[in-house]
Amino acid sequence: MSKLMALVDKYEETGKKMGWKINRSLLEKVAKGCGPSIYRKDAALVAASDKAELDRVKKNFLIKKLGMKDSPKLDEAIATVCTEFKGVRQKPRALFYYKLVQNLRKGSVYK
């Protein structure tokens, strides 16, 4: 099994423990789209309590990767995902991005 698939298995398991219905195919594509960052300990996680980190998620993922326009809607989407991860100390970047894609209905970007 590749490292990517092992991580996707882990992310899927985490999502299911949280009561989420996971679309494995989309999760794989989002994880692959994260590139090498998911293999580096610090970069693999989203620091939801760090405003600068959340601004980077907005700028680099939502605006650049998903092609969205900067608006308060993006901040609300990030806040919603942070709430969905309430109680989870380590928030995997790929799973965080996956929830953003799902909540914003941007799965078509990964088709």
C-alpha atoms as a PDB file:
ATOM      1  CA  MET A   1       0.000   0.000   0.000  1.00  0.00           C
ATOM      2  CA  SER A   2       1.320   3.438  -0.899  1.00  0.00           C
ATOM      3  CA  LYS A   3       1.944   6.113   1.710  1.00  0.00           C
ATOM      4  CA  LEU A   4      -0.864   8.193   0.200  1.00  0.00           C
ATOM      5  CA  MET A   5      -3.413   5.381   0.487  1.00  0.00           C
ATOM      6  CA  ALA A   6      -2.316   4.662   4.062  1.00  0.00           C
ATOM      7  CA  LEU A   7      -2.938   8.310   4.945  1.00  0.00           C
ATOM      8  CA  VAL A   8      -6.284   8.336   3.124  1.00  0.00           C
ATOM      9  CA  ASP A   9      -7.310   5.256   5.147  1.00  0.00           C
ATOM     10  CA  LYS A  10      -6.370   7.111   8.322  1.00  0.00           C
ATOM     11  CA  TYR A  11      -8.290  10.241   7.272  1.00  0.00           C
ATOM     12  CA  GLU A  12     -11.330   8.179   6.314  1.00  0.00           C
ATOM     13  CA  GLU A  13     -11.287   6.429   9.687  1.00  0.00           C
ATOM     14  CA  THR A  14     -11.014   9.776  11.510  1.00  0.00           C
ATOM     15  CA  GLY A  15     -13.928  11.187   9.520  1.00  0.00           C
ATOM     16  CA  LYS A  16     -16.106   8.168  10.202  1.00  0.00           C
ATOM     17  CA  LYS A  17     -15.339   8.377  13.933  1.00  0.00           C
ATOM     18  CA  MET A  18     -16.665  11.935  13.770  1.00  0.00           C
ATOM     19  CA  GLY A  19     -19.885  10.662  12.196  1.00  0.00           C
ATOM     20  CA  TRP A  20     -19.172  11.932   8.696  1.00  0.00           C
ATOM     21  CA  LYS A  21     -20.148  10.097   5.535  1.00  0.00           C
ATOM     22  CA  ILE A  22     -16.895  10.032   3.561  1.00  0.00           C
ATOM     23  CA  ASN A  23     -16.669  10.039  -0.232  1.00  0.00           C
ATOM     24  CA  ARG A  24     -13.421   8.062  -0.515  1.00  0.00           C
ATOM     25  CA  SER A  25     -12.778   9.032  -4.129  1.00  0.00           C
ATOM     26  CA  LEU A  26     -13.039  12.748  -3.365  1.00  0.00           C
ATOM     27  CA  LEU A  27     -10.934  12.370  -0.219  1.00  0.00           C
ATOM     28  CA  GLU A  28      -8.198  10.650  -2.250  1.00  0.00           C
ATOM     29  CA  LYS A  29      -8.199  13.470  -4.814  1.00  0.00           C
ATOM     30  CA  VAL A  30      -8.084  16.182  -2.162  1.00  0.00           C
ATOM     31  CA  ALA A  31      -5.256  14.391  -0.321  1.00  0.00           C
ATOM     32  CA  LYS A  32      -3.301  13.973  -3.559  1.00  0.00           C
ATOM     33  CA  GLY A  33      -3.874  17.657  -4.326  1.00  0.00           C
ATOM     34  CA  CYS A  34      -2.250  18.610  -1.018  1.00  0.00           C
ATOM     35  CA  GLY A  35       1.033  17.346  -2.436  1.00  0.00           C
ATOM     36  CA  PRO A  36       4.015  16.675  -0.215  1.00  0.00           C
ATOM     37  CA  SER A  37       2.622  18.772   2.657  1.00  0.00           C
ATOM     38  CA  ILE A  38       0.648  15.797   4.003  1.00  0.00           C
ATOM     39  CA  TYR A  39       3.883  13.879   4.576  1.00  0.00           C
ATOM     40  CA  ARG A  40       5.515  16.564   6.736  1.00  0.00           C
ATOM     41  CA  LYS A  41       4.503  16.430  10.380  1.00  0.00           C
ATOM     42  CA  ASP A  42       3.843  20.139  10.902  1.00  0.00           C
ATOM     43  CA  ALA A  43       2.413  20.911   7.459  1.00  0.00           C
ATOM     44  CA  ALA A  44       0.077  17.907   7.546  1.00  0.00           C
ATOM     45  CA  LEU A  45      -2.077  19.560  10.214  1.00  0.00           C
ATOM     46  CA  VAL A  46      -4.178  22.725  10.245  1.00  0.00           C
ATOM     47  CA  ALA A  47      -3.727  24.929  13.307  1.00  0.00           C
ATOM     48  CA  ALA A  48      -7.318  26.129  13.633  1.00  0.00           C
ATOM     49  CA  SER A  49      -6.472  28.464  16.505  1.00  0.00           C
ATOM     50  CA  ASP A  50      -3.883  30.337  14.403  1.00  0.00           C
ATOM     51  CA  LYS A  51      -5.462  33.210  12.433  1.00  0.00           C
ATOM     52  CA  ALA A  52      -2.487  33.375  10.047  1.00  0.00           C
ATOM     53  CA  GLU A  53      -2.877  29.665   9.269  1.00  0.00           C
ATOM     54  CA  LEU A  54      -6.589  30.076   8.527  1.00  0.00           C
ATOM     55  CA  ASP A  55      -5.802  33.063   6.286  1.00  0.00           C
ATOM     56  CA  ARG A  56      -3.345  30.831   4.373  1.00  0.00           C
ATOM     57  CA  VAL A  57      -6.039  28.162   3.996  1.00  0.00           C
ATOM     58  CA  LYS A  58      -8.367  30.798   2.597  1.00  0.00           C
ATOM     59  CA  LYS A  59      -5.802  32.355   0.236  1.00  0.00           C
ATOM     60  CA  ASN A  60      -3.912  29.270  -0.948  1.00  0.00           C
ATOM     61  CA  PHE A  61      -6.673  26.690  -0.970  1.00  0.00           C
ATOM     62  CA  LEU A  62     -10.055  28.344  -1.332  1.00  0.00           C
ATOM     63  CA  ILE A  63      -9.019  31.228  -3.583  1.00  0.00           C
ATOM     64  CA  LYS A  64      -6.072  29.802  -5.545  1.00  0.00           C
ATOM     65  CA  LYS A  65      -6.886  26.084  -5.704  1.00  0.00           C
ATOM     66  CA  LEU A  66     -10.697  26.192  -5.800  1.00  0.00           C
ATOM     67  CA  GLY A  67     -10.885  29.474  -7.728  1.00  0.00           C
ATOM     68  CA  MET A  68     -13.287  31.177  -5.347  1.00  0.00           C
ATOM     69  CA  LYS A  69     -13.619  34.920  -4.884  1.00  0.00           C
ATOM     70  CA  ASP A  70     -12.603  36.399  -1.528  1.00  0.00           C
ATOM     71  CA  SER A  71     -15.731  37.057   0.517  1.00  0.00           C
ATOM     72  CA  PRO A  72     -17.080  36.681   4.048  1.00  0.00           C
ATOM     73  CA  LYS A  73     -18.597  33.384   2.849  1.00  0.00           C
ATOM     74  CA  LEU A  74     -15.105  31.864   2.801  1.00  0.00           C
ATOM     75  CA  ASP A  75     -14.415  32.899   6.392  1.00  0.00           C
ATOM     76  CA  GLU A  76     -17.778  31.423   7.406  1.00  0.00           C
ATOM     77  CA  ALA A  77     -16.950  28.147   5.633  1.00  0.00           C
ATOM     78  CA  ILE A  78     -13.616  27.903   7.459  1.00  0.00           C
ATOM     79  CA  ALA A  79     -15.314  28.689  10.790  1.00  0.00           C
ATOM     80  CA  THR A  80     -17.909  25.982  10.119  1.00  0.00           C
ATOM     81  CA  VAL A  81     -15.232  23.368   9.462  1.00  0.00           C
ATOM     82  CA  CYS A  82     -13.360  24.448  12.600  1.00  0.00           C
ATOM     83  CA  THR A  83     -16.599  23.895  14.533  1.00  0.00           C
ATOM     84  CA  GLU A  84     -17.053  20.476  12.909  1.00  0.00           C
ATOM     85  CA  PHE A  85     -13.573  19.568  14.178  1.00  0.00           C
ATOM     86  CA  LYS A  86     -14.402  20.740  17.721  1.00  0.00           C
ATOM     87  CA  GLY A  87     -12.716  18.461  20.210  1.00  0.00           C
ATOM     88  CA  VAL A  88     -10.232  17.093  17.662  1.00  0.00           C
ATOM     89  CA  ARG A  89      -6.778  18.202  18.692  1.00  0.00           C
ATOM     90  CA  GLN A  90      -4.987  17.371  15.452  1.00  0.00           C
ATOM     91  CA  LYS A  91      -6.833  18.402  12.317  1.00  0.00           C
ATOM     92  CA  PRO A  92      -5.391  16.658   9.229  1.00  0.00           C
ATOM     93  CA  ARG A  93      -5.006  19.170   6.394  1.00  0.00           C
ATOM     94  CA  ALA A  94      -6.413  16.825   3.747  1.00  0.00           C
ATOM     95  CA  LEU A  95      -9.511  16.071   5.846  1.00  0.00           C
ATOM     96  CA  PHE A  96      -9.958  19.784   6.683  1.00  0.00           C
ATOM     97  CA  TYR A  97      -9.772  20.658   2.972  1.00  0.00           C
ATOM     98  CA  TYR A  98     -12.105  17.771   2.147  1.00  0.00           C
ATOM     99  CA  LYS A  99     -14.764  19.201   4.475  1.00  0.00           C
ATOM    100  CA  LEU A 100     -14.342  22.648   2.905  1.00  0.00           C
ATOM    101  CA  VAL A 101     -14.797  21.146  -0.563  1.00  0.00           C
ATOM    102  CA  GLN A 102     -17.890  19.271   0.568  1.00  0.00           C
ATOM    103  CA  ASN A 103     -19.460  22.172   2.446  1.00  0.00           C
ATOM    104  CA  LEU A 104     -18.846  24.598  -0.422  1.00  0.00           C
ATOM    105  CA  ARG A 105     -19.971  22.039  -3.024  1.00  0.00           C
ATOM    106  CA  LYS A 106     -16.728  22.379  -4.974  1.00  0.00           C
ATOM    107  CA  GLY A 107     -16.165  18.675  -5.680  1.00  0.00           C
ATOM    108  CA  SER A 108     -16.316  19.434  -9.403  1.00  0.00           C
ATOM    109  CA  VAL A 109     -12.828  20.971  -9.114  1.00  0.00           C
ATOM    110  CA  TYR A 110     -11.512  17.436  -8.476  1.00  0.00           C
ATOM    111  CA  LYS A 111     -13.354  15.647 -11.300  1.00  0.00           C
END
